[in-house]
């Protein structure tokens, strides 16, 4: 596990049901996307190439991006 969070009782009463699933902070998600691009391609991919990767759906990067949606 790489992160945790806490909701105070009043916030849990308002938003607690949202916490029944694991949510990755945006900063951690984008860092994983960056690391995966560098590891697989040795560079950051432009938007057009990222779209192709997602459409092919045949790599860990595509899986990571699709899981976020």
N, C-alpha and C. Protein backbone atom coordinates (compact mmCIF):
# COMPACT_ATOMS: atom_id res chain seq x y z
N UNK A 1 0.85 -1.17 0.00
CA UNK A 1 0.00 0.00 0.00
C UNK A 1 0.89 1.23 0.00
N UNK A 2 0.50 2.22 -0.77
CA UNK A 2 1.33 3.42 -0.89
C UNK A 2 0.69 4.66 -0.29
N UNK A 3 -0.56 4.56 0.16
CA UNK A 3 -1.20 5.73 0.76
C UNK A 3 -2.39 5.30 1.61
N UNK A 4 -2.78 6.17 2.53
CA UNK A 4 -3.97 5.98 3.35
C UNK A 4 -4.61 7.35 3.55
N UNK A 5 -5.84 7.36 3.98
CA UNK A 5 -6.47 8.62 4.33
C UNK A 5 -7.46 8.38 5.46
N UNK A 6 -7.90 9.46 6.06
CA UNK A 6 -8.80 9.40 7.20
C UNK A 6 -9.95 10.35 6.96
N UNK A 7 -11.15 9.91 7.29
CA UNK A 7 -12.32 10.79 7.28
C UNK A 7 -12.81 10.96 8.71
N UNK A 8 -13.03 12.20 9.10
CA UNK A 8 -13.60 12.44 10.43
C UNK A 8 -15.05 11.93 10.43
N UNK A 9 -15.63 11.66 11.58
CA UNK A 9 -16.99 11.14 11.63
C UNK A 9 -18.03 11.97 10.86
N UNK A 10 -18.04 13.32 10.96
CA UNK A 10 -19.02 14.07 10.18
C UNK A 10 -18.83 13.89 8.66
N UNK A 11 -17.57 13.87 8.21
CA UNK A 11 -17.31 13.68 6.78
C UNK A 11 -17.70 12.27 6.34
N UNK A 12 -17.44 11.28 7.19
CA UNK A 12 -17.84 9.92 6.84
C UNK A 12 -19.35 9.83 6.71
N UNK A 13 -20.08 10.54 7.56
CA UNK A 13 -21.54 10.54 7.47
C UNK A 13 -21.99 11.12 6.13
N UNK A 14 -21.26 12.12 5.64
CA UNK A 14 -21.62 12.74 4.36
C UNK A 14 -21.07 11.98 3.15
N UNK A 15 -19.86 11.47 3.25
CA UNK A 15 -19.16 10.92 2.09
C UNK A 15 -18.67 9.49 2.28
N UNK A 16 -18.99 8.87 3.35
CA UNK A 16 -18.43 7.56 3.70
C UNK A 16 -18.63 6.48 2.66
N UNK A 17 -19.77 6.48 1.99
CA UNK A 17 -20.02 5.44 0.99
C UNK A 17 -19.02 5.51 -0.15
N UNK A 18 -18.49 6.67 -0.41
CA UNK A 18 -17.48 6.81 -1.47
C UNK A 18 -16.18 6.11 -1.11
N UNK A 19 -15.97 5.87 0.16
CA UNK A 19 -14.70 5.29 0.59
C UNK A 19 -14.72 3.77 0.61
N UNK A 20 -15.76 3.16 0.12
CA UNK A 20 -15.81 1.69 0.08
C UNK A 20 -14.93 1.12 -1.02
N UNK A 21 -14.44 1.95 -1.89
CA UNK A 21 -13.53 1.49 -2.94
C UNK A 21 -12.21 2.21 -2.78
N UNK A 22 -11.15 1.57 -3.26
CA UNK A 22 -9.83 2.18 -3.16
C UNK A 22 -9.69 3.26 -4.23
N UNK A 23 -9.23 4.41 -3.85
CA UNK A 23 -9.04 5.51 -4.78
C UNK A 23 -7.57 5.93 -4.73
N UNK A 24 -6.96 6.03 -5.87
CA UNK A 24 -5.55 6.42 -5.96
C UNK A 24 -5.49 7.95 -6.13
N UNK A 25 -4.69 8.62 -5.34
CA UNK A 25 -4.55 10.07 -5.52
C UNK A 25 -4.03 10.39 -6.92
N UNK A 26 -4.46 11.51 -7.48
CA UNK A 26 -4.03 11.90 -8.82
C UNK A 26 -2.51 11.96 -8.97
N UNK A 27 -1.84 12.49 -7.96
CA UNK A 27 -0.39 12.62 -8.04
C UNK A 27 0.28 11.25 -8.20
N UNK A 28 -0.21 10.27 -7.46
CA UNK A 28 0.35 8.92 -7.55
C UNK A 28 0.03 8.28 -8.90
N UNK A 29 -1.20 8.47 -9.38
CA UNK A 29 -1.59 7.92 -10.68
C UNK A 29 -0.70 8.47 -11.78
N UNK A 30 -0.53 9.79 -11.84
CA UNK A 30 0.26 10.39 -12.92
C UNK A 30 1.73 10.01 -12.81
N UNK A 31 2.22 9.84 -11.60
CA UNK A 31 3.60 9.38 -11.43
C UNK A 31 3.76 7.97 -11.99
N UNK A 32 2.78 7.10 -11.76
CA UNK A 32 2.84 5.74 -12.32
C UNK A 32 2.80 5.77 -13.83
N UNK A 33 1.98 6.65 -14.40
CA UNK A 33 1.91 6.80 -15.85
C UNK A 33 3.28 7.24 -16.40
N UNK A 34 3.89 8.22 -15.75
CA UNK A 34 5.22 8.69 -16.18
C UNK A 34 6.25 7.56 -16.12
N UNK A 35 6.28 6.85 -14.99
CA UNK A 35 7.25 5.78 -14.81
C UNK A 35 7.07 4.68 -15.85
N UNK A 36 5.84 4.33 -16.13
CA UNK A 36 5.55 3.27 -17.10
C UNK A 36 6.00 3.69 -18.51
N UNK A 37 5.77 4.95 -18.87
CA UNK A 37 6.21 5.43 -20.18
C UNK A 37 7.73 5.38 -20.30
N UNK A 38 8.42 5.86 -19.28
CA UNK A 38 9.88 5.85 -19.31
C UNK A 38 10.40 4.41 -19.37
N UNK A 39 9.80 3.52 -18.57
CA UNK A 39 10.24 2.13 -18.53
C UNK A 39 10.03 1.43 -19.88
N UNK A 40 8.86 1.62 -20.49
CA UNK A 40 8.54 0.93 -21.74
C UNK A 40 9.14 1.59 -22.97
N UNK A 41 9.12 2.92 -23.02
CA UNK A 41 9.48 3.63 -24.24
C UNK A 41 10.72 4.51 -24.12
N UNK A 42 11.17 4.74 -22.90
CA UNK A 42 12.34 5.57 -22.69
C UNK A 42 12.08 7.06 -22.85
N UNK A 43 10.80 7.43 -22.92
CA UNK A 43 10.42 8.83 -23.10
C UNK A 43 8.94 8.99 -22.76
N UNK A 44 8.50 10.25 -22.70
CA UNK A 44 7.08 10.53 -22.52
C UNK A 44 6.42 10.52 -23.89
N UNK A 45 5.29 9.87 -24.00
CA UNK A 45 4.60 9.77 -25.28
C UNK A 45 3.68 10.96 -25.52
N UNK A 46 3.64 11.44 -26.77
CA UNK A 46 2.67 12.50 -27.08
C UNK A 46 1.25 11.92 -27.07
N UNK A 47 0.27 12.78 -27.03
CA UNK A 47 -1.12 12.36 -26.92
C UNK A 47 -1.54 11.38 -28.02
N UNK A 48 -1.09 11.61 -29.25
CA UNK A 48 -1.47 10.73 -30.35
C UNK A 48 -0.97 9.30 -30.11
N UNK A 49 0.26 9.17 -29.63
CA UNK A 49 0.81 7.84 -29.36
C UNK A 49 0.11 7.19 -28.17
N UNK A 50 -0.22 7.98 -27.16
CA UNK A 50 -0.96 7.44 -26.01
C UNK A 50 -2.31 6.91 -26.47
N UNK A 51 -2.96 7.60 -27.37
CA UNK A 51 -4.25 7.14 -27.90
C UNK A 51 -4.10 5.80 -28.61
N UNK A 52 -3.01 5.64 -29.36
CA UNK A 52 -2.75 4.37 -30.04
C UNK A 52 -2.51 3.24 -29.04
N UNK A 53 -1.76 3.54 -27.99
CA UNK A 53 -1.49 2.54 -26.94
C UNK A 53 -2.80 2.09 -26.29
N UNK A 54 -3.66 3.04 -26.00
CA UNK A 54 -4.95 2.71 -25.37
C UNK A 54 -5.80 1.89 -26.32
N UNK A 55 -5.84 2.26 -27.60
CA UNK A 55 -6.64 1.54 -28.59
C UNK A 55 -6.16 0.11 -28.77
N UNK A 56 -4.84 -0.09 -28.74
CA UNK A 56 -4.28 -1.44 -28.91
C UNK A 56 -4.57 -2.30 -27.68
N UNK A 57 -4.65 -1.69 -26.52
CA UNK A 57 -4.97 -2.39 -25.26
C UNK A 57 -4.12 -3.65 -25.06
N UNK A 58 -2.82 -3.51 -25.31
CA UNK A 58 -1.95 -4.68 -25.21
C UNK A 58 -0.69 -4.40 -24.40
N UNK A 59 -0.79 -3.50 -23.43
CA UNK A 59 0.39 -3.19 -22.63
C UNK A 59 -0.03 -2.80 -21.22
N UNK A 60 0.92 -2.90 -20.30
CA UNK A 60 0.62 -2.45 -18.93
C UNK A 60 0.23 -0.97 -18.87
N UNK A 61 0.80 -0.15 -19.75
CA UNK A 61 0.45 1.27 -19.77
C UNK A 61 -1.01 1.44 -20.15
N UNK A 62 -1.48 0.72 -21.15
CA UNK A 62 -2.89 0.80 -21.56
C UNK A 62 -3.81 0.35 -20.42
N UNK A 63 -3.43 -0.70 -19.76
CA UNK A 63 -4.23 -1.20 -18.63
C UNK A 63 -4.31 -0.17 -17.52
N UNK A 64 -3.18 0.43 -17.20
CA UNK A 64 -3.14 1.45 -16.15
C UNK A 64 -4.04 2.62 -16.49
N UNK A 65 -3.95 3.09 -17.73
CA UNK A 65 -4.77 4.23 -18.15
C UNK A 65 -6.25 3.86 -18.16
N UNK A 66 -6.58 2.69 -18.67
CA UNK A 66 -7.99 2.29 -18.74
C UNK A 66 -8.59 2.06 -17.36
N UNK A 67 -7.79 1.57 -16.42
CA UNK A 67 -8.29 1.35 -15.06
C UNK A 67 -8.67 2.67 -14.39
N UNK A 68 -8.02 3.75 -14.77
CA UNK A 68 -8.30 5.05 -14.16
C UNK A 68 -9.66 5.59 -14.61
N UNK A 69 -10.06 5.24 -15.83
CA UNK A 69 -11.33 5.74 -16.35
C UNK A 69 -12.44 5.16 -15.53
